Amino acid sequence: MSSRTRLEDLATIAGVSIATVSRALNNSPAVNDETKRRVWKIAREQNYNFRPSMPAMLSGAAATIAVVIPTPQGRQTRVSDPFFQELIGGIAEAARAVSCDLLISHLAPENVDDLANLMTTNRAEGVIFLGQSLLHERLNALAETESRFIVWGAELPGQKYCSVGSDNIRGGARATSHLLNQGRRRIAFLGDTAAWEVQQRYEGYVNAHRRLGLTVDPDLIVPAQFEISYAEAAVDSLTSREVAFDGIFAAGDLIALGAIRSLLKSGRAVPQDVAVVGYDNIQLAAYASPALTTISQDMEKAGRLMISKLLSAGEGKPPRSERLPTELIVRESCGLA
């Protein structure tokens, strides 16, 4: 429909009275949230131009996109996280290329209602969630009624929403295989496997061992959040328990950097005594001492994919999930051979 859509038209489509539509558009407490969301969704689809409480585009932009960081599993909820900064940078560049504005939301949704309210009350035409956290089933529920969102994260069985992310299983296997090819046989895994992406990286770690007929020692699996201090403590615990290890695959670069810090403090050389591989290839990785061998994710391509898929979703085209290829970046922490 054109922008001349009337209240009567919205009421007919929504199956409610004109008065209810009017109250819903004005965010009246007399209308329940479910009805409001349905009316607002219909009004948006019909290009209704009276939007006092609905998402509105900023002047001069083709669209406005919001970036939301749910309370992450295994990461601190901080936009200052280097990985999030670089991912947001890739999204921002992609948005600018298609004349879209980008908003960074401070909200941290925790349940289905939070997600639904966020979709209908923020200023954006669409939302990118950075991470699934513990919201996978709730995002599935949201996808039943809402298509204007994309998730950076893993692809999971039974997933109903679109996600973009790296091939974590292959990336984990590639990192571990590099350590094994260097002759390392006691490789510690550092990461919080309650997080979907970390779980998949761990799966790749296990697969790489199996291909060589090797079993994984459970003592070498140590939980660690994506912070240097947590990683230091994880490696300290291995040392205090006198667990033998000659390699470390860290589920993220910050974990890897913390591991190296702990190793050097204890007098062990990297990579001579313990070789280390990280994941993400944040900018700090290249400037660490020793420079960090890591798995690279293409943040620029990730940004382009998420923006293009989100805009396609707004046109009524259901986007499909997509995995980005990973690349092993070999630096000093795991030898240059």
Foldseek 3Di string as FASTA:
>chain_A
DDQPDDLVNLCVVLVHDSVQLVCLLVVHPVHDPVSSLSSLVSCVLVNHPSRPQWAAADPQAPWEEEEEEACADQEHPDCPPLLNVLLVVLLCVLRVVRRYHYHYDPDHDDALVSVSCCNTGYNGPAYEYEACHVCQVSVQVVLVPDQLYEYADDDDPPGNHAYEYAQLLCQLLVQLLLLVVLVWDQEAEEEACVGPSSVSSVNNNQVNQVVVPHHHDPLRYFYAGLALVRLLVRLVVCVVVVPDGLEYEYAAVNSQLSVCVNCVVVPHDANVRYAYEYEDPRVVQCVDVQRHWYKHDDSNVRSNVRVVQSVVVSVVDRDHYDHTYIDTDDTRRSDDD
